[in-house]
């Protein structure tokens, strides 16, 4: 899949559009096809290396709207529209600046 990866802290020049493996489903998580994401100050701080405990390389992105591809949850189903905001996406685990993102089930919300 294509993603924007930050390999080390710094300015916007650290945002690199590249190819990375598509995340693999694991217990307690849902794989989402990204349709839209936001860019906000929190991600700029993280890119600059100002977010504690963030390791690089990292795919940023703390917000996402997309559709479920695969899930381990009984609350979601393939092709369902979902949203996720905040949590540790883009910090503790890779975020939404990608074609697909793997998100903890409890951090997803259905959209009507």
N, C-alpha and C. Protein backbone atom coordinates (compact mmCIF):
# COMPACT_ATOMS: atom_id res chain seq x y z
N UNK A 1 0.86 -1.18 0.00
CA UNK A 1 0.00 0.00 0.00
C UNK A 1 0.89 1.23 0.00
N UNK A 2 0.31 2.36 -0.38
CA UNK A 2 1.03 3.63 -0.32
C UNK A 2 0.74 4.30 1.01
N UNK A 3 1.75 4.99 1.53
CA UNK A 3 1.61 5.70 2.80
C UNK A 3 2.61 6.85 2.83
N UNK A 4 2.35 7.79 3.71
CA UNK A 4 3.29 8.88 3.97
C UNK A 4 3.98 8.55 5.28
N UNK A 5 5.27 8.29 5.21
CA UNK A 5 6.04 7.83 6.36
C UNK A 5 7.01 8.92 6.80
N UNK A 6 7.13 9.08 8.11
CA UNK A 6 8.13 9.97 8.70
C UNK A 6 9.19 9.06 9.31
N UNK A 7 10.41 9.11 8.78
CA UNK A 7 11.49 8.24 9.26
C UNK A 7 12.24 8.81 10.44
N UNK A 8 12.26 10.14 10.54
CA UNK A 8 12.93 10.80 11.67
C UNK A 8 12.27 12.15 11.90
N UNK A 9 12.37 12.67 13.11
CA UNK A 9 11.76 13.97 13.40
C UNK A 9 12.33 15.08 12.52
N UNK A 10 11.47 16.07 12.21
CA UNK A 10 11.93 17.20 11.44
C UNK A 10 10.79 17.96 10.80
N UNK A 11 11.11 18.68 9.76
CA UNK A 11 10.15 19.52 9.05
C UNK A 11 9.34 18.72 8.04
N UNK A 12 8.55 19.43 7.22
CA UNK A 12 7.70 18.76 6.24
C UNK A 12 8.49 17.90 5.24
N UNK A 13 9.78 18.19 5.07
CA UNK A 13 10.59 17.40 4.14
C UNK A 13 10.74 15.95 4.62
N UNK A 14 10.39 15.68 5.87
CA UNK A 14 10.46 14.31 6.40
C UNK A 14 9.27 13.46 5.98
N UNK A 15 8.22 14.06 5.43
CA UNK A 15 7.05 13.32 4.96
C UNK A 15 7.39 12.68 3.62
N UNK A 16 7.48 11.36 3.57
CA UNK A 16 7.88 10.65 2.35
C UNK A 16 6.76 9.73 1.89
N UNK A 17 6.30 9.94 0.67
CA UNK A 17 5.28 9.09 0.05
C UNK A 17 5.98 7.84 -0.46
N UNK A 18 5.60 6.68 0.06
CA UNK A 18 6.31 5.45 -0.25
C UNK A 18 5.38 4.25 -0.20
N UNK A 19 5.91 3.09 -0.44
CA UNK A 19 5.16 1.84 -0.38
C UNK A 19 5.59 1.07 0.86
N UNK A 20 4.60 0.60 1.62
CA UNK A 20 4.84 -0.20 2.83
C UNK A 20 3.86 -1.38 2.83
N UNK A 21 4.13 -2.41 3.62
CA UNK A 21 3.18 -3.53 3.68
C UNK A 21 1.83 -3.09 4.24
N UNK A 22 0.76 -3.67 3.71
CA UNK A 22 -0.58 -3.44 4.25
C UNK A 22 -0.65 -4.10 5.62
N UNK A 23 -1.21 -3.42 6.62
CA UNK A 23 -1.30 -4.03 7.95
C UNK A 23 -2.08 -5.35 7.93
N UNK A 24 -1.70 -6.25 8.82
CA UNK A 24 -2.35 -7.55 8.94
C UNK A 24 -3.28 -7.55 10.13
N UNK A 25 -4.49 -8.06 9.93
CA UNK A 25 -5.49 -8.11 11.00
C UNK A 25 -4.97 -8.92 12.18
N UNK A 26 -5.28 -8.44 13.40
CA UNK A 26 -4.92 -9.17 14.61
C UNK A 26 -6.07 -9.07 15.60
N UNK A 27 -6.11 -9.94 16.61
CA UNK A 27 -7.24 -9.95 17.55
C UNK A 27 -7.46 -8.58 18.20
N UNK A 28 -8.73 -8.16 18.23
CA UNK A 28 -9.10 -6.90 18.86
C UNK A 28 -8.98 -5.68 17.96
N UNK A 29 -8.67 -5.88 16.69
CA UNK A 29 -8.43 -4.76 15.77
C UNK A 29 -9.29 -4.90 14.52
N UNK A 30 -9.39 -3.78 13.76
CA UNK A 30 -10.13 -3.73 12.50
C UNK A 30 -9.26 -3.05 11.45
N UNK A 31 -9.24 -3.63 10.25
CA UNK A 31 -8.52 -3.03 9.13
C UNK A 31 -9.50 -2.15 8.36
N UNK A 32 -9.12 -0.88 8.17
CA UNK A 32 -9.98 0.12 7.53
C UNK A 32 -9.31 0.65 6.27
N UNK A 33 -10.09 0.72 5.18
CA UNK A 33 -9.63 1.40 3.96
C UNK A 33 -9.87 2.89 4.18
N UNK A 34 -8.83 3.68 4.07
CA UNK A 34 -8.90 5.12 4.34
C UNK A 34 -9.55 5.84 3.17
N UNK A 35 -10.58 6.64 3.48
CA UNK A 35 -11.20 7.50 2.47
C UNK A 35 -10.83 8.96 2.70
N UNK A 36 -10.59 9.34 3.96
CA UNK A 36 -10.20 10.72 4.27
C UNK A 36 -9.50 10.76 5.62
N UNK A 37 -8.59 11.71 5.77
CA UNK A 37 -7.94 11.97 7.05
C UNK A 37 -7.71 13.46 7.17
N UNK A 38 -7.41 13.90 8.37
CA UNK A 38 -7.16 15.32 8.59
C UNK A 38 -5.68 15.55 8.86
N UNK A 39 -5.30 16.80 8.82
CA UNK A 39 -3.95 17.20 9.23
C UNK A 39 -4.15 18.27 10.30
N UNK A 40 -3.56 18.05 11.46
CA UNK A 40 -3.76 19.01 12.55
C UNK A 40 -2.46 19.27 13.30
N UNK A 41 -2.51 20.18 14.24
CA UNK A 41 -1.31 20.59 14.98
C UNK A 41 -0.65 19.45 15.73
N UNK A 42 -1.43 18.53 16.26
CA UNK A 42 -0.87 17.41 17.00
C UNK A 42 0.09 16.60 16.12
N UNK A 43 -0.28 16.39 14.87
CA UNK A 43 0.57 15.62 13.96
C UNK A 43 1.84 16.41 13.60
N UNK A 44 1.72 17.71 13.51
CA UNK A 44 2.90 18.54 13.25
C UNK A 44 3.87 18.42 14.41
N UNK A 45 3.36 18.47 15.64
CA UNK A 45 4.22 18.32 16.82
C UNK A 45 4.89 16.95 16.82
N UNK A 46 4.12 15.91 16.48
CA UNK A 46 4.68 14.56 16.44
C UNK A 46 5.77 14.47 15.38
N UNK A 47 5.50 15.00 14.18
CA UNK A 47 6.51 14.99 13.12
C UNK A 47 7.78 15.69 13.55
N UNK A 48 7.65 16.76 14.33
CA UNK A 48 8.81 17.51 14.79
C UNK A 48 9.55 16.81 15.93
N UNK A 49 9.00 15.70 16.42
CA UNK A 49 9.64 14.97 17.51
C UNK A 49 9.24 15.45 18.89
N UNK A 50 8.15 16.21 18.99
CA UNK A 50 7.73 16.81 20.26
C UNK A 50 6.68 16.01 21.01
N UNK A 51 6.27 14.84 20.49
CA UNK A 51 5.31 13.97 21.18
C UNK A 51 6.08 12.90 21.92
N UNK A 52 5.96 12.87 23.25
CA UNK A 52 6.72 11.88 24.02
C UNK A 52 6.36 10.45 23.63
N UNK A 53 7.33 9.58 23.70
CA UNK A 53 7.17 8.13 23.49
C UNK A 53 6.87 7.72 22.05
N UNK A 54 6.91 8.64 21.09
CA UNK A 54 6.70 8.27 19.69
C UNK A 54 8.02 7.79 19.12
N UNK A 55 7.98 6.63 18.46
CA UNK A 55 9.17 6.12 17.80
C UNK A 55 9.00 6.25 16.29
N UNK A 56 10.11 6.38 15.63
CA UNK A 56 10.13 6.52 14.17
C UNK A 56 10.85 5.31 13.58
N UNK A 57 10.50 4.87 12.38
CA UNK A 57 9.57 5.50 11.46
C UNK A 57 8.12 5.36 11.94
N UNK A 58 7.27 6.29 11.49
CA UNK A 58 5.87 6.31 11.90
C UNK A 58 5.02 6.85 10.75
N UNK A 59 3.84 6.27 10.58
CA UNK A 59 2.82 6.83 9.70
C UNK A 59 1.92 7.65 10.60
N UNK A 60 1.87 8.97 10.37
CA UNK A 60 1.06 9.85 11.20
C UNK A 60 -0.41 9.74 10.81
N UNK A 61 -1.25 10.48 11.55
CA UNK A 61 -2.68 10.54 11.24
C UNK A 61 -3.51 10.06 12.41
N UNK A 62 -4.17 10.99 13.11
CA UNK A 62 -4.95 10.62 14.30
C UNK A 62 -6.45 10.59 14.04
N UNK A 63 -6.87 10.94 12.83
CA UNK A 63 -8.29 10.92 12.47
C UNK A 63 -8.44 10.17 11.16
N UNK A 64 -9.57 9.46 11.00
CA UNK A 64 -9.82 8.75 9.75
C UNK A 64 -11.30 8.52 9.55
N UNK A 65 -11.71 8.58 8.30
CA UNK A 65 -13.03 8.11 7.86
C UNK A 65 -12.75 7.08 6.78
N UNK A 66 -13.41 5.94 6.87
CA UNK A 66 -13.17 4.91 5.88
C UNK A 66 -14.20 3.80 5.95
N UNK A 67 -13.86 2.68 5.32
CA UNK A 67 -14.74 1.51 5.33
C UNK A 67 -13.98 0.30 5.86
N UNK A 68 -14.71 -0.55 6.56
CA UNK A 68 -14.13 -1.76 7.14
C UNK A 68 -13.76 -2.72 6.01
N UNK A 69 -12.54 -3.24 6.08
CA UNK A 69 -12.08 -4.28 5.15
C UNK A 69 -12.22 -5.63 5.84
N UNK A 70 -11.63 -5.75 7.04
CA UNK A 70 -11.70 -6.96 7.86
C UNK A 70 -11.81 -6.52 9.31
N UNK A 71 -12.46 -7.36 10.13
CA UNK A 71 -12.60 -7.01 11.54
C UNK A 71 -12.69 -8.26 12.40
N UNK A 72 -12.30 -8.09 13.66
CA UNK A 72 -12.48 -9.16 14.65
C UNK A 72 -13.65 -8.85 15.57
N UNK A 73 -14.35 -7.75 15.31
CA UNK A 73 -15.46 -7.31 16.15
C UNK A 73 -16.80 -7.77 15.59
N UNK A 74 -17.71 -8.09 16.49
CA UNK A 74 -19.08 -8.43 16.06
C UNK A 74 -19.90 -7.17 15.80
N UNK A 75 -19.38 -5.99 16.18
CA UNK A 75 -20.09 -4.73 16.00
C UNK A 75 -19.92 -4.14 14.60
N UNK A 76 -18.94 -4.62 13.85
CA UNK A 76 -18.65 -4.06 12.53
C UNK A 76 -18.72 -5.15 11.48
N UNK A 77 -18.83 -4.72 10.21
CA UNK A 77 -18.91 -5.67 9.10
C UNK A 77 -18.20 -5.05 7.88
N UNK A 78 -17.74 -5.89 6.95
CA UNK A 78 -17.06 -5.37 5.76
C UNK A 78 -17.92 -4.35 4.99
N UNK A 79 -17.24 -3.32 4.51
CA UNK A 79 -17.84 -2.21 3.75
C UNK A 79 -18.59 -1.20 4.63
N UNK A 80 -18.67 -1.43 5.93
CA UNK A 80 -19.34 -0.48 6.83
C UNK A 80 -18.50 0.79 6.92
N UNK A 81 -19.17 1.94 6.89
CA UNK A 81 -18.50 3.22 7.06
C UNK A 81 -18.21 3.43 8.54
N UNK A 82 -16.96 3.86 8.83
CA UNK A 82 -16.55 4.07 10.22
C UNK A 82 -15.70 5.33 10.33
N UNK A 83 -15.56 5.80 11.56
CA UNK A 83 -14.70 6.94 11.87
C UNK A 83 -13.89 6.60 13.11
N UNK A 84 -12.70 7.16 13.18
CA UNK A 84 -11.88 7.05 14.39
C UNK A 84 -11.19 8.39 14.59
N UNK A 85 -11.19 8.85 15.82
CA UNK A 85 -10.54 10.12 16.14
C UNK A 85 -9.73 9.97 17.42
N UNK A 86 -8.59 10.62 17.43
CA UNK A 86 -7.72 10.70 18.60
C UNK A 86 -7.21 9.32 19.00
N UNK A 87 -7.22 9.00 20.30
CA UNK A 87 -6.61 7.77 20.75
C UNK A 87 -5.11 7.84 20.52
N UNK A 88 -4.49 6.74 20.24
CA UNK A 88 -3.04 6.71 20.02
C UNK A 88 -2.66 6.45 18.56
N UNK A 89 -3.66 6.50 17.66
CA UNK A 89 -3.38 6.33 16.24
C UNK A 89 -2.39 7.39 15.79
N UNK A 90 -1.36 6.96 15.06
CA UNK A 90 -0.34 7.89 14.58
C UNK A 90 0.73 8.20 15.59
N UNK A 91 0.58 7.68 16.81
CA UNK A 91 1.59 7.87 17.84
C UNK A 91 2.10 6.52 18.36
N UNK A 92 1.23 5.75 19.02
CA UNK A 92 1.62 4.44 19.56
C UNK A 92 1.61 3.38 18.46
N UNK A 93 0.81 3.60 17.43
CA UNK A 93 0.76 2.69 16.28
C UNK A 93 0.51 3.53 15.03
N UNK A 94 0.76 2.97 13.87
CA UNK A 94 0.66 3.73 12.62
C UNK A 94 -0.74 4.29 12.40
N UNK A 95 -0.79 5.47 11.78
CA UNK A 95 -2.04 6.18 11.60
C UNK A 95 -2.57 6.19 10.19
N UNK A 96 -3.34 7.23 9.88
CA UNK A 96 -4.20 7.26 8.70
C UNK A 96 -3.61 7.90 7.45
N UNK A 97 -2.36 8.32 7.45
CA UNK A 97 -1.76 8.86 6.24
C UNK A 97 -1.37 7.69 5.33
N UNK A 98 -2.33 6.85 5.00
CA UNK A 98 -2.06 5.62 4.24
C UNK A 98 -3.34 5.15 3.55
N UNK A 99 -3.20 4.14 2.71
CA UNK A 99 -4.38 3.57 2.05
C UNK A 99 -5.20 2.74 3.02
N UNK A 100 -4.54 2.11 4.00
CA UNK A 100 -5.22 1.27 5.00
C UNK A 100 -4.62 1.56 6.37
N UNK A 101 -5.45 1.42 7.40
CA UNK A 101 -4.98 1.60 8.77
C UNK A 101 -5.60 0.52 9.65
N UNK A 102 -4.82 0.00 10.58
CA UNK A 102 -5.29 -1.00 11.54
C UNK A 102 -5.60 -0.27 12.84
N UNK A 103 -6.84 -0.41 13.33
CA UNK A 103 -7.32 0.38 14.47
C UNK A 103 -7.92 -0.56 15.53
N UNK A 104 -7.66 -0.29 16.82
CA UNK A 104 -8.31 -1.08 17.87
C UNK A 104 -9.83 -0.95 17.75
N UNK A 105 -10.53 -2.06 17.92
CA UNK A 105 -12.00 -2.05 17.78
C UNK A 105 -12.67 -1.00 18.64
N UNK A 106 -12.19 -0.81 19.87
CA UNK A 106 -12.85 0.14 20.78
C UNK A 106 -12.64 1.59 20.37
N UNK A 107 -11.80 1.83 19.40
CA UNK A 107 -11.54 3.20 18.93
C UNK A 107 -12.31 3.53 17.65
N UNK A 108 -13.16 2.63 17.18
CA UNK A 108 -13.94 2.83 15.96
C UNK A 108 -15.40 3.12 16.27
N UNK A 109 -16.01 3.97 15.42
CA UNK A 109 -17.42 4.31 15.58
C UNK A 109 -18.10 4.21 14.22
N UNK A 110 -19.29 3.60 14.17
CA UNK A 110 -19.99 3.48 12.89
C UNK A 110 -20.55 4.83 12.43
N UNK A 111 -20.65 5.00 11.12
CA UNK A 111 -21.27 6.19 10.53
C UNK A 111 -22.53 5.77 9.80
N UNK A 112 -23.54 6.59 9.87
CA UNK A 112 -24.79 6.32 9.14
C UNK A 112 -24.79 7.11 7.85
